[in-house]
mmCIF file of all heavy atoms, coordinates in Angstrom:
data_MODEL
# 
_entry.id   MODEL 
# 
loop_
_atom_site.group_PDB 
_atom_site.id 
_atom_site.type_symbol 
_atom_site.label_atom_id 
_atom_site.label_alt_id 
_atom_site.label_comp_id 
_atom_site.label_asym_id 
_atom_site.label_entity_id 
_atom_site.label_seq_id 
_atom_site.pdbx_PDB_ins_code 
_atom_site.Cartn_x 
_atom_site.Cartn_y 
_atom_site.Cartn_z 
_atom_site.occupancy 
_atom_site.B_iso_or_equiv 
_atom_site.pdbx_formal_charge 
_atom_site.auth_seq_id 
_atom_site.auth_comp_id 
_atom_site.auth_asym_id 
_atom_site.auth_atom_id 
_atom_site.pdbx_PDB_model_num 
ATOM 1   N N   . SER A 1 1  ? -35.849 -62.786 -49.450 1.00 0.00 ? 1  SER A N   1 
ATOM 2   C CA  . SER A 1 1  ? -36.938 -61.871 -49.922 1.00 0.00 ? 1  SER A CA  1 
ATOM 3   C C   . SER A 1 1  ? -38.172 -61.942 -48.990 1.00 0.00 ? 1  SER A C   1 
ATOM 4   O O   . SER A 1 1  ? -38.672 -63.014 -48.631 1.00 0.00 ? 1  SER A O   1 
ATOM 5   C CB  . SER A 1 1  ? -37.441 -62.249 -51.293 1.00 0.00 ? 1  SER A CB  1 
ATOM 6   O OG  . SER A 1 1  ? -38.522 -61.523 -51.742 1.00 0.00 ? 1  SER A OG  1 
ATOM 7   N N   . GLY A 1 2  ? -38.575 -60.799 -48.421 1.00 0.00 ? 2  GLY A N   1 
ATOM 8   C CA  . GLY A 1 2  ? -39.696 -60.718 -47.609 1.00 0.00 ? 2  GLY A CA  1 
ATOM 9   C C   . GLY A 1 2  ? -39.393 -61.050 -46.095 1.00 0.00 ? 2  GLY A C   1 
ATOM 10  O O   . GLY A 1 2  ? -40.337 -60.989 -45.250 1.00 0.00 ? 2  GLY A O   1 
ATOM 11  N N   . LEU A 1 3  ? -38.143 -61.361 -45.775 1.00 0.00 ? 3  LEU A N   1 
ATOM 12  C CA  . LEU A 1 3  ? -37.824 -61.646 -44.397 1.00 0.00 ? 3  LEU A CA  1 
ATOM 13  C C   . LEU A 1 3  ? -37.442 -60.380 -43.616 1.00 0.00 ? 3  LEU A C   1 
ATOM 14  O O   . LEU A 1 3  ? -36.720 -59.526 -44.125 1.00 0.00 ? 3  LEU A O   1 
ATOM 15  C CB  . LEU A 1 3  ? -36.665 -62.654 -44.329 1.00 0.00 ? 3  LEU A CB  1 
ATOM 16  C CG  . LEU A 1 3  ? -36.859 -63.992 -44.953 1.00 0.00 ? 3  LEU A CG  1 
ATOM 17  C CD1 . LEU A 1 3  ? -35.683 -64.879 -44.711 1.00 0.00 ? 3  LEU A CD1 1 
ATOM 18  C CD2 . LEU A 1 3  ? -38.138 -64.658 -44.367 1.00 0.00 ? 3  LEU A CD2 1 
ATOM 19  N N   . ASP A 1 4  ? -37.836 -60.298 -42.350 1.00 0.00 ? 4  ASP A N   1 
ATOM 20  C CA  . ASP A 1 4  ? -37.380 -59.214 -41.484 1.00 0.00 ? 4  ASP A CA  1 
ATOM 21  C C   . ASP A 1 4  ? -35.967 -59.449 -40.984 1.00 0.00 ? 4  ASP A C   1 
ATOM 22  O O   . ASP A 1 4  ? -35.412 -60.559 -41.197 1.00 0.00 ? 4  ASP A O   1 
ATOM 23  C CB  . ASP A 1 4  ? -38.394 -59.018 -40.369 1.00 0.00 ? 4  ASP A CB  1 
ATOM 24  C CG  . ASP A 1 4  ? -38.495 -60.234 -39.464 1.00 0.00 ? 4  ASP A CG  1 
ATOM 25  O OD1 . ASP A 1 4  ? -37.555 -60.886 -39.184 1.00 0.00 ? 4  ASP A OD1 1 
ATOM 26  O OD2 . ASP A 1 4  ? -39.690 -60.492 -39.026 1.00 0.00 ? 4  ASP A OD2 1 
ATOM 27  N N   . PRO A 1 5  ? -35.312 -58.493 -40.400 1.00 0.00 ? 5  PRO A N   1 
ATOM 28  C CA  . PRO A 1 5  ? -33.925 -58.683 -39.949 1.00 0.00 ? 5  PRO A CA  1 
ATOM 29  C C   . PRO A 1 5  ? -33.739 -59.903 -39.007 1.00 0.00 ? 5  PRO A C   1 
ATOM 30  O O   . PRO A 1 5  ? -32.664 -60.576 -39.201 1.00 0.00 ? 5  PRO A O   1 
ATOM 31  C CB  . PRO A 1 5  ? -33.627 -57.334 -39.280 1.00 0.00 ? 5  PRO A CB  1 
ATOM 32  C CG  . PRO A 1 5  ? -34.520 -56.352 -39.859 1.00 0.00 ? 5  PRO A CG  1 
ATOM 33  C CD  . PRO A 1 5  ? -35.754 -57.128 -40.152 1.00 0.00 ? 5  PRO A CD  1 
ATOM 34  N N   . LYS A 1 6  ? -34.657 -60.154 -38.111 1.00 0.00 ? 6  LYS A N   1 
ATOM 35  C CA  . LYS A 1 6  ? -34.478 -61.296 -37.166 1.00 0.00 ? 6  LYS A CA  1 
ATOM 36  C C   . LYS A 1 6  ? -34.513 -62.645 -38.090 1.00 0.00 ? 6  LYS A C   1 
ATOM 37  O O   . LYS A 1 6  ? -33.640 -63.479 -37.783 1.00 0.00 ? 6  LYS A O   1 
ATOM 38  C CB  . LYS A 1 6  ? -35.608 -61.305 -36.243 1.00 0.00 ? 6  LYS A CB  1 
ATOM 39  C CG  . LYS A 1 6  ? -35.483 -62.480 -35.174 1.00 0.00 ? 6  LYS A CG  1 
ATOM 40  C CD  . LYS A 1 6  ? -36.569 -62.464 -34.181 1.00 0.00 ? 6  LYS A CD  1 
ATOM 41  C CE  . LYS A 1 6  ? -36.433 -63.662 -33.185 1.00 0.00 ? 6  LYS A CE  1 
ATOM 42  N NZ  . LYS A 1 6  ? -37.534 -63.668 -32.192 1.00 0.00 ? 6  LYS A NZ  1 
ATOM 43  N N   . ALA A 1 7  ? -35.518 -62.732 -38.891 1.00 0.00 ? 7  ALA A N   1 
ATOM 44  C CA  . ALA A 1 7  ? -35.673 -63.937 -39.721 1.00 0.00 ? 7  ALA A CA  1 
ATOM 45  C C   . ALA A 1 7  ? -34.391 -64.132 -40.670 1.00 0.00 ? 7  ALA A C   1 
ATOM 46  O O   . ALA A 1 7  ? -33.961 -65.243 -40.836 1.00 0.00 ? 7  ALA A O   1 
ATOM 47  C CB  . ALA A 1 7  ? -36.909 -63.960 -40.538 1.00 0.00 ? 7  ALA A CB  1 
ATOM 48  N N   . ARG A 1 8  ? -33.855 -62.999 -41.142 1.00 0.00 ? 8  ARG A N   1 
ATOM 49  C CA  . ARG A 1 8  ? -32.638 -63.090 -42.015 1.00 0.00 ? 8  ARG A CA  1 
ATOM 50  C C   . ARG A 1 8  ? -31.492 -63.671 -41.221 1.00 0.00 ? 8  ARG A C   1 
ATOM 51  O O   . ARG A 1 8  ? -30.710 -64.515 -41.693 1.00 0.00 ? 8  ARG A O   1 
ATOM 52  C CB  . ARG A 1 8  ? -32.280 -61.700 -42.566 1.00 0.00 ? 8  ARG A CB  1 
ATOM 53  C CG  . ARG A 1 8  ? -33.203 -61.190 -43.620 1.00 0.00 ? 8  ARG A CG  1 
ATOM 54  C CD  . ARG A 1 8  ? -33.044 -59.732 -43.926 1.00 0.00 ? 8  ARG A CD  1 
ATOM 55  N NE  . ARG A 1 8  ? -31.711 -59.536 -44.477 1.00 0.00 ? 8  ARG A NE  1 
ATOM 56  C CZ  . ARG A 1 8  ? -31.503 -59.370 -45.817 1.00 0.00 ? 8  ARG A CZ  1 
ATOM 57  N NH1 . ARG A 1 8  ? -32.534 -59.321 -46.653 1.00 0.00 ? 8  ARG A NH1 1 
ATOM 58  N NH2 . ARG A 1 8  ? -30.325 -59.099 -46.341 1.00 0.00 ? 8  ARG A NH2 1 
ATOM 59  N N   . ALA A 1 9  ? -31.350 -63.168 -40.026 1.00 0.00 ? 9  ALA A N   1 
ATOM 60  C CA  . ALA A 1 9  ? -30.210 -63.614 -39.157 1.00 0.00 ? 9  ALA A CA  1 
ATOM 61  C C   . ALA A 1 9  ? -30.382 -65.078 -38.819 1.00 0.00 ? 9  ALA A C   1 
ATOM 62  O O   . ALA A 1 9  ? -29.419 -65.839 -38.806 1.00 0.00 ? 9  ALA A O   1 
ATOM 63  C CB  . ALA A 1 9  ? -30.092 -62.762 -37.902 1.00 0.00 ? 9  ALA A CB  1 
ATOM 64  N N   . LEU A 1 10 ? -31.658 -65.503 -38.582 1.00 0.00 ? 10 LEU A N   1 
ATOM 65  C CA  . LEU A 1 10 ? -31.867 -66.904 -38.172 1.00 0.00 ? 10 LEU A CA  1 
ATOM 66  C C   . LEU A 1 10 ? -31.682 -67.815 -39.402 1.00 0.00 ? 10 LEU A C   1 
ATOM 67  O O   . LEU A 1 10 ? -31.138 -68.916 -39.258 1.00 0.00 ? 10 LEU A O   1 
ATOM 68  C CB  . LEU A 1 10 ? -33.298 -67.064 -37.618 1.00 0.00 ? 10 LEU A CB  1 
ATOM 69  C CG  . LEU A 1 10 ? -33.560 -66.425 -36.285 1.00 0.00 ? 10 LEU A CG  1 
ATOM 70  C CD1 . LEU A 1 10 ? -35.086 -66.461 -35.927 1.00 0.00 ? 10 LEU A CD1 1 
ATOM 71  C CD2 . LEU A 1 10 ? -32.791 -67.141 -35.222 1.00 0.00 ? 10 LEU A CD2 1 
ATOM 72  N N   . LEU A 1 11 ? -32.077 -67.356 -40.585 1.00 0.00 ? 11 LEU A N   1 
ATOM 73  C CA  . LEU A 1 11 ? -31.840 -68.134 -41.833 1.00 0.00 ? 11 LEU A CA  1 
ATOM 74  C C   . LEU A 1 11 ? -30.334 -68.313 -42.073 1.00 0.00 ? 11 LEU A C   1 
ATOM 75  O O   . LEU A 1 11 ? -29.896 -69.485 -42.349 1.00 0.00 ? 11 LEU A O   1 
ATOM 76  C CB  . LEU A 1 11 ? -32.458 -67.482 -43.025 1.00 0.00 ? 11 LEU A CB  1 
ATOM 77  C CG  . LEU A 1 11 ? -32.139 -68.081 -44.368 1.00 0.00 ? 11 LEU A CG  1 
ATOM 78  C CD1 . LEU A 1 11 ? -32.640 -69.583 -44.421 1.00 0.00 ? 11 LEU A CD1 1 
ATOM 79  C CD2 . LEU A 1 11 ? -32.706 -67.288 -45.555 1.00 0.00 ? 11 LEU A CD2 1 
ATOM 80  N N   . LYS A 1 12 ? -29.530 -67.290 -41.812 1.00 0.00 ? 12 LYS A N   1 
ATOM 81  C CA  . LYS A 1 12 ? -28.119 -67.448 -42.033 1.00 0.00 ? 12 LYS A CA  1 
ATOM 82  C C   . LYS A 1 12 ? -27.499 -68.343 -41.072 1.00 0.00 ? 12 LYS A C   1 
ATOM 83  O O   . LYS A 1 12 ? -26.634 -69.191 -41.380 1.00 0.00 ? 12 LYS A O   1 
ATOM 84  C CB  . LYS A 1 12 ? -27.465 -66.018 -41.885 1.00 0.00 ? 12 LYS A CB  1 
ATOM 85  C CG  . LYS A 1 12 ? -27.704 -65.172 -43.192 1.00 0.00 ? 12 LYS A CG  1 
ATOM 86  C CD  . LYS A 1 12 ? -26.871 -63.885 -43.203 1.00 0.00 ? 12 LYS A CD  1 
ATOM 87  C CE  . LYS A 1 12 ? -27.394 -62.829 -42.323 1.00 0.00 ? 12 LYS A CE  1 
ATOM 88  N NZ  . LYS A 1 12 ? -26.664 -61.573 -42.520 1.00 0.00 ? 12 LYS A NZ  1 
ATOM 89  N N   . SER A 1 13 ? -28.108 -68.446 -39.827 1.00 0.00 ? 13 SER A N   1 
ATOM 90  C CA  . SER A 1 13 ? -27.591 -69.492 -38.839 1.00 0.00 ? 13 SER A CA  1 
ATOM 91  C C   . SER A 1 13 ? -27.911 -70.943 -39.385 1.00 0.00 ? 13 SER A C   1 
ATOM 92  O O   . SER A 1 13 ? -27.073 -71.772 -39.287 1.00 0.00 ? 13 SER A O   1 
ATOM 93  C CB  . SER A 1 13 ? -28.316 -69.320 -37.508 1.00 0.00 ? 13 SER A CB  1 
ATOM 94  O OG  . SER A 1 13 ? -27.868 -68.066 -36.919 1.00 0.00 ? 13 SER A OG  1 
ATOM 95  N N   . GLN A 1 14 ? -29.061 -71.075 -39.992 1.00 0.00 ? 14 GLN A N   1 
ATOM 96  C CA  . GLN A 1 14 ? -29.446 -72.397 -40.563 1.00 0.00 ? 14 GLN A CA  1 
ATOM 97  C C   . GLN A 1 14 ? -28.489 -72.723 -41.734 1.00 0.00 ? 14 GLN A C   1 
ATOM 98  O O   . GLN A 1 14 ? -28.099 -73.863 -41.850 1.00 0.00 ? 14 GLN A O   1 
ATOM 99  C CB  . GLN A 1 14 ? -30.852 -72.364 -41.011 1.00 0.00 ? 14 GLN A CB  1 
ATOM 100 C CG  . GLN A 1 14 ? -31.907 -72.410 -39.854 1.00 0.00 ? 14 GLN A CG  1 
ATOM 101 C CD  . GLN A 1 14 ? -31.779 -73.628 -39.017 1.00 0.00 ? 14 GLN A CD  1 
ATOM 102 O OE1 . GLN A 1 14 ? -31.780 -74.755 -39.507 1.00 0.00 ? 14 GLN A OE1 1 
ATOM 103 N NE2 . GLN A 1 14 ? -31.636 -73.405 -37.780 1.00 0.00 ? 14 GLN A NE2 1 
ATOM 104 N N   . LEU A 1 15 ? -28.198 -71.731 -42.565 1.00 0.00 ? 15 LEU A N   1 
ATOM 105 C CA  . LEU A 1 15 ? -27.291 -71.950 -43.678 1.00 0.00 ? 15 LEU A CA  1 
ATOM 106 C C   . LEU A 1 15 ? -25.916 -72.331 -43.189 1.00 0.00 ? 15 LEU A C   1 
ATOM 107 O O   . LEU A 1 15 ? -25.244 -73.242 -43.813 1.00 0.00 ? 15 LEU A O   1 
ATOM 108 C CB  . LEU A 1 15 ? -27.232 -70.708 -44.509 1.00 0.00 ? 15 LEU A CB  1 
ATOM 109 C CG  . LEU A 1 15 ? -28.521 -70.369 -45.271 1.00 0.00 ? 15 LEU A CG  1 
ATOM 110 C CD1 . LEU A 1 15 ? -28.449 -69.111 -46.063 1.00 0.00 ? 15 LEU A CD1 1 
ATOM 111 C CD2 . LEU A 1 15 ? -28.968 -71.554 -46.262 1.00 0.00 ? 15 LEU A CD2 1 
ATOM 112 N N   . ARG A 1 16 ? -25.434 -71.693 -42.122 1.00 0.00 ? 16 ARG A N   1 
ATOM 113 C CA  . ARG A 1 16 ? -24.148 -72.125 -41.581 1.00 0.00 ? 16 ARG A CA  1 
ATOM 114 C C   . ARG A 1 16 ? -24.109 -73.511 -41.114 1.00 0.00 ? 16 ARG A C   1 
ATOM 115 O O   . ARG A 1 16 ? -23.109 -74.287 -41.233 1.00 0.00 ? 16 ARG A O   1 
ATOM 116 C CB  . ARG A 1 16 ? -23.670 -71.070 -40.512 1.00 0.00 ? 16 ARG A CB  1 
ATOM 117 C CG  . ARG A 1 16 ? -23.418 -69.714 -40.906 1.00 0.00 ? 16 ARG A CG  1 
ATOM 118 C CD  . ARG A 1 16 ? -22.883 -68.794 -39.841 1.00 0.00 ? 16 ARG A CD  1 
ATOM 119 N NE  . ARG A 1 16 ? -22.851 -67.436 -40.238 1.00 0.00 ? 16 ARG A NE  1 
ATOM 120 C CZ  . ARG A 1 16 ? -23.797 -66.618 -39.916 1.00 0.00 ? 16 ARG A CZ  1 
ATOM 121 N NH1 . ARG A 1 16 ? -24.789 -66.972 -39.130 1.00 0.00 ? 16 ARG A NH1 1 
ATOM 122 N NH2 . ARG A 1 16 ? -23.700 -65.248 -40.333 1.00 0.00 ? 16 ARG A NH2 1 
ATOM 123 N N   . GLU A 1 17 ? -25.241 -73.949 -40.542 1.00 0.00 ? 17 GLU A N   1 
ATOM 124 C CA  . GLU A 1 17 ? -25.318 -75.342 -40.100 1.00 0.00 ? 17 GLU A CA  1 
ATOM 125 C C   . GLU A 1 17 ? -25.238 -76.236 -41.285 1.00 0.00 ? 17 GLU A C   1 
ATOM 126 O O   . GLU A 1 17 ? -24.574 -77.323 -41.222 1.00 0.00 ? 17 GLU A O   1 
ATOM 127 C CB  . GLU A 1 17 ? -26.667 -75.582 -39.379 1.00 0.00 ? 17 GLU A CB  1 
ATOM 128 C CG  . GLU A 1 17 ? -26.733 -74.994 -37.980 1.00 0.00 ? 17 GLU A CG  1 
ATOM 129 C CD  . GLU A 1 17 ? -25.792 -75.631 -36.965 1.00 0.00 ? 17 GLU A CD  1 
ATOM 130 O OE1 . GLU A 1 17 ? -25.462 -76.879 -37.208 1.00 0.00 ? 17 GLU A OE1 1 
ATOM 131 O OE2 . GLU A 1 17 ? -25.322 -74.980 -36.017 1.00 0.00 ? 17 GLU A OE2 1 
ATOM 132 N N   . MET A 1 18 ? -25.848 -75.919 -42.402 1.00 0.00 ? 18 MET A N   1 
ATOM 133 C CA  . MET A 1 18 ? -25.774 -76.687 -43.641 1.00 0.00 ? 18 MET A CA  1 
ATOM 134 C C   . MET A 1 18 ? -24.393 -76.753 -44.132 1.00 0.00 ? 18 MET A C   1 
ATOM 135 O O   . MET A 1 18 ? -23.941 -77.759 -44.596 1.00 0.00 ? 18 MET A O   1 
ATOM 136 C CB  . MET A 1 18 ? -26.720 -76.093 -44.650 1.00 0.00 ? 18 MET A CB  1 
ATOM 137 C CG  . MET A 1 18 ? -28.144 -76.246 -44.381 1.00 0.00 ? 18 MET A CG  1 
ATOM 138 S SD  . MET A 1 18 ? -29.213 -75.315 -45.536 1.00 0.00 ? 18 MET A SD  1 
ATOM 139 C CE  . MET A 1 18 ? -28.776 -76.132 -47.053 1.00 0.00 ? 18 MET A CE  1 
ATOM 140 N N   . LYS A 1 19 ? -23.649 -75.683 -44.048 1.00 0.00 ? 19 LYS A N   1 
ATOM 141 C CA  . LYS A 1 19 ? -22.245 -75.622 -44.501 1.00 0.00 ? 19 LYS A CA  1 
ATOM 142 C C   . LYS A 1 19 ? -21.432 -76.561 -43.665 1.00 0.00 ? 19 LYS A C   1 
ATOM 143 O O   . LYS A 1 19 ? -20.542 -77.350 -44.234 1.00 0.00 ? 19 LYS A O   1 
ATOM 144 C CB  . LYS A 1 19 ? -21.661 -74.222 -44.381 1.00 0.00 ? 19 LYS A CB  1 
ATOM 145 C CG  . LYS A 1 19 ? -20.321 -74.032 -45.128 1.00 0.00 ? 19 LYS A CG  1 
ATOM 146 C CD  . LYS A 1 19 ? -19.969 -72.563 -45.168 1.00 0.00 ? 19 LYS A CD  1 
ATOM 147 C CE  . LYS A 1 19 ? -18.667 -72.404 -46.002 1.00 0.00 ? 19 LYS A CE  1 
ATOM 148 N NZ  . LYS A 1 19 ? -18.736 -72.802 -47.401 1.00 0.00 ? 19 LYS A NZ  1 
ATOM 149 N N   . ARG A 1 20 ? -21.645 -76.559 -42.379 1.00 0.00 ? 20 ARG A N   1 
ATOM 150 C CA  . ARG A 1 20 ? -20.901 -77.412 -41.536 1.00 0.00 ? 20 ARG A CA  1 
ATOM 151 C C   . ARG A 1 20 ? -21.193 -78.953 -41.840 1.00 0.00 ? 20 ARG A C   1 
ATOM 152 O O   . ARG A 1 20 ? -20.321 -79.826 -41.615 1.00 0.00 ? 20 ARG A O   1 
ATOM 153 C CB  . ARG A 1 20 ? -21.140 -77.164 -40.058 1.00 0.00 ? 20 ARG A CB  1 
ATOM 154 C CG  . ARG A 1 20 ? -20.468 -75.925 -39.522 1.00 0.00 ? 20 ARG A CG  1 
ATOM 155 C CD  . ARG A 1 20 ? -20.538 -75.759 -38.025 1.00 0.00 ? 20 ARG A CD  1 
ATOM 156 N NE  . ARG A 1 20 ? -21.855 -75.263 -37.645 1.00 0.00 ? 20 ARG A NE  1 
ATOM 157 C CZ  . ARG A 1 20 ? -22.104 -73.998 -37.465 1.00 0.00 ? 20 ARG A CZ  1 
ATOM 158 N NH1 . ARG A 1 20 ? -21.225 -73.018 -37.690 1.00 0.00 ? 20 ARG A NH1 1 
ATOM 159 N NH2 . ARG A 1 20 ? -23.356 -73.619 -37.113 1.00 0.00 ? 20 ARG A NH2 1 
ATOM 160 N N   . ALA A 1 21 ? -22.404 -79.166 -42.308 1.00 0.00 ? 21 ALA A N   1 
ATOM 161 C CA  . ALA A 1 21 ? -22.768 -80.525 -42.660 1.00 0.00 ? 21 ALA A CA  1 
ATOM 162 C C   . ALA A 1 21 ? -22.302 -80.914 -44.013 1.00 0.00 ? 21 ALA A C   1 
ATOM 163 O O   . ALA A 1 21 ? -22.593 -82.057 -44.540 1.00 0.00 ? 21 ALA A O   1 
ATOM 164 C CB  . ALA A 1 21 ? -24.306 -80.618 -42.645 1.00 0.00 ? 21 ALA A CB  1 
ATOM 165 N N   . GLY A 1 22 ? -21.643 -79.986 -44.769 1.00 0.00 ? 22 GLY A N   1 
ATOM 166 C CA  . GLY A 1 22 ? -21.075 -80.331 -46.143 1.00 0.00 ? 22 GLY A CA  1 
ATOM 167 C C   . GLY A 1 22 ? -22.008 -80.195 -47.235 1.00 0.00 ? 22 GLY A C   1 
ATOM 168 O O   . GLY A 1 22 ? -21.769 -80.643 -48.373 1.00 0.00 ? 22 GLY A O   1 
ATOM 169 N N   . ARG A 1 23 ? -23.160 -79.486 -47.011 1.00 0.00 ? 23 ARG A N   1 
ATOM 170 C CA  . ARG A 1 23 ? -24.127 -79.370 -48.134 1.00 0.00 ? 23 ARG A CA  1 
ATOM 171 C C   . ARG A 1 23 ? -23.721 -78.243 -49.039 1.00 0.00 ? 23 ARG A C   1 
ATOM 172 O O   . ARG A 1 23 ? -23.020 -77.299 -48.610 1.00 0.00 ? 23 ARG A O   1 
ATOM 173 C CB  . ARG A 1 23 ? -25.500 -79.211 -47.552 1.00 0.00 ? 23 ARG A CB  1 
ATOM 174 C CG  . ARG A 1 23 ? -26.103 -80.472 -46.807 1.00 0.00 ? 23 ARG A CG  1 
ATOM 175 C CD  . ARG A 1 23 ? -27.529 -80.374 -46.594 1.00 0.00 ? 23 ARG A CD  1 
ATOM 176 N NE  . ARG A 1 23 ? -27.988 -81.629 -46.097 1.00 0.00 ? 23 ARG A NE  1 
ATOM 177 C CZ  . ARG A 1 23 ? -28.044 -81.956 -44.815 1.00 0.00 ? 23 ARG A CZ  1 
ATOM 178 N NH1 . ARG A 1 23 ? -27.647 -81.119 -43.902 1.00 0.00 ? 23 ARG A NH1 1 
ATOM 179 N NH2 . ARG A 1 23 ? -28.560 -83.162 -44.424 1.00 0.00 ? 23 ARG A NH2 1 
ATOM 180 N N   . THR A 1 24 ? -24.197 -78.275 -50.251 1.00 0.00 ? 24 THR A N   1 
ATOM 181 C CA  . THR A 1 24 ? -23.872 -77.194 -51.256 1.00 0.00 ? 24 THR A CA  1 
ATOM 182 C C   . THR A 1 24 ? -25.101 -76.301 -51.388 1.00 0.00 ? 24 THR A C   1 
ATOM 183 O O   . THR A 1 24 ? -26.219 -76.723 -51.399 1.00 0.00 ? 24 THR A O   1 
ATOM 184 C CB  . THR A 1 24 ? -23.598 -77.856 -52.646 1.00 0.00 ? 24 THR A CB  1 
ATOM 185 O OG1 . THR A 1 24 ? -22.687 -78.946 -52.464 1.00 0.00 ? 24 THR A OG1 1 
ATOM 186 C CG2 . THR A 1 24 ? -23.124 -76.881 -53.656 1.00 0.00 ? 24 THR A CG2 1 
ATOM 187 N N   . VAL A 1 25 ? -24.793 -75.034 -51.427 1.00 0.00 ? 25 VAL A N   1 
ATOM 188 C CA  . VAL A 1 25 ? -25.857 -73.934 -51.634 1.00 0.00 ? 25 VAL A CA  1 
ATOM 189 C C   . VAL A 1 25 ? -25.485 -73.098 -52.861 1.00 0.00 ? 25 VAL A C   1 
ATOM 190 O O   . VAL A 1 25 ? -24.416 -72.563 -52.831 1.00 0.00 ? 25 VAL A O   1 
ATOM 191 C CB  . VAL A 1 25 ? -26.058 -73.141 -50.371 1.00 0.00 ? 25 VAL A CB  1 
ATOM 192 C CG1 . VAL A 1 25 ? -27.051 -71.959 -50.655 1.00 0.00 ? 25 VAL A CG1 1 
ATOM 193 C CG2 . VAL A 1 25 ? -26.619 -73.973 -49.203 1.00 0.00 ? 25 VAL A CG2 1 
# 
């Protein structure tokens, strides 16, 4: 919410890193 397209893409990159680390979202 409130993020522009660039920030959305960057957030998804961070979430993928979390997934690789085995965290739950």
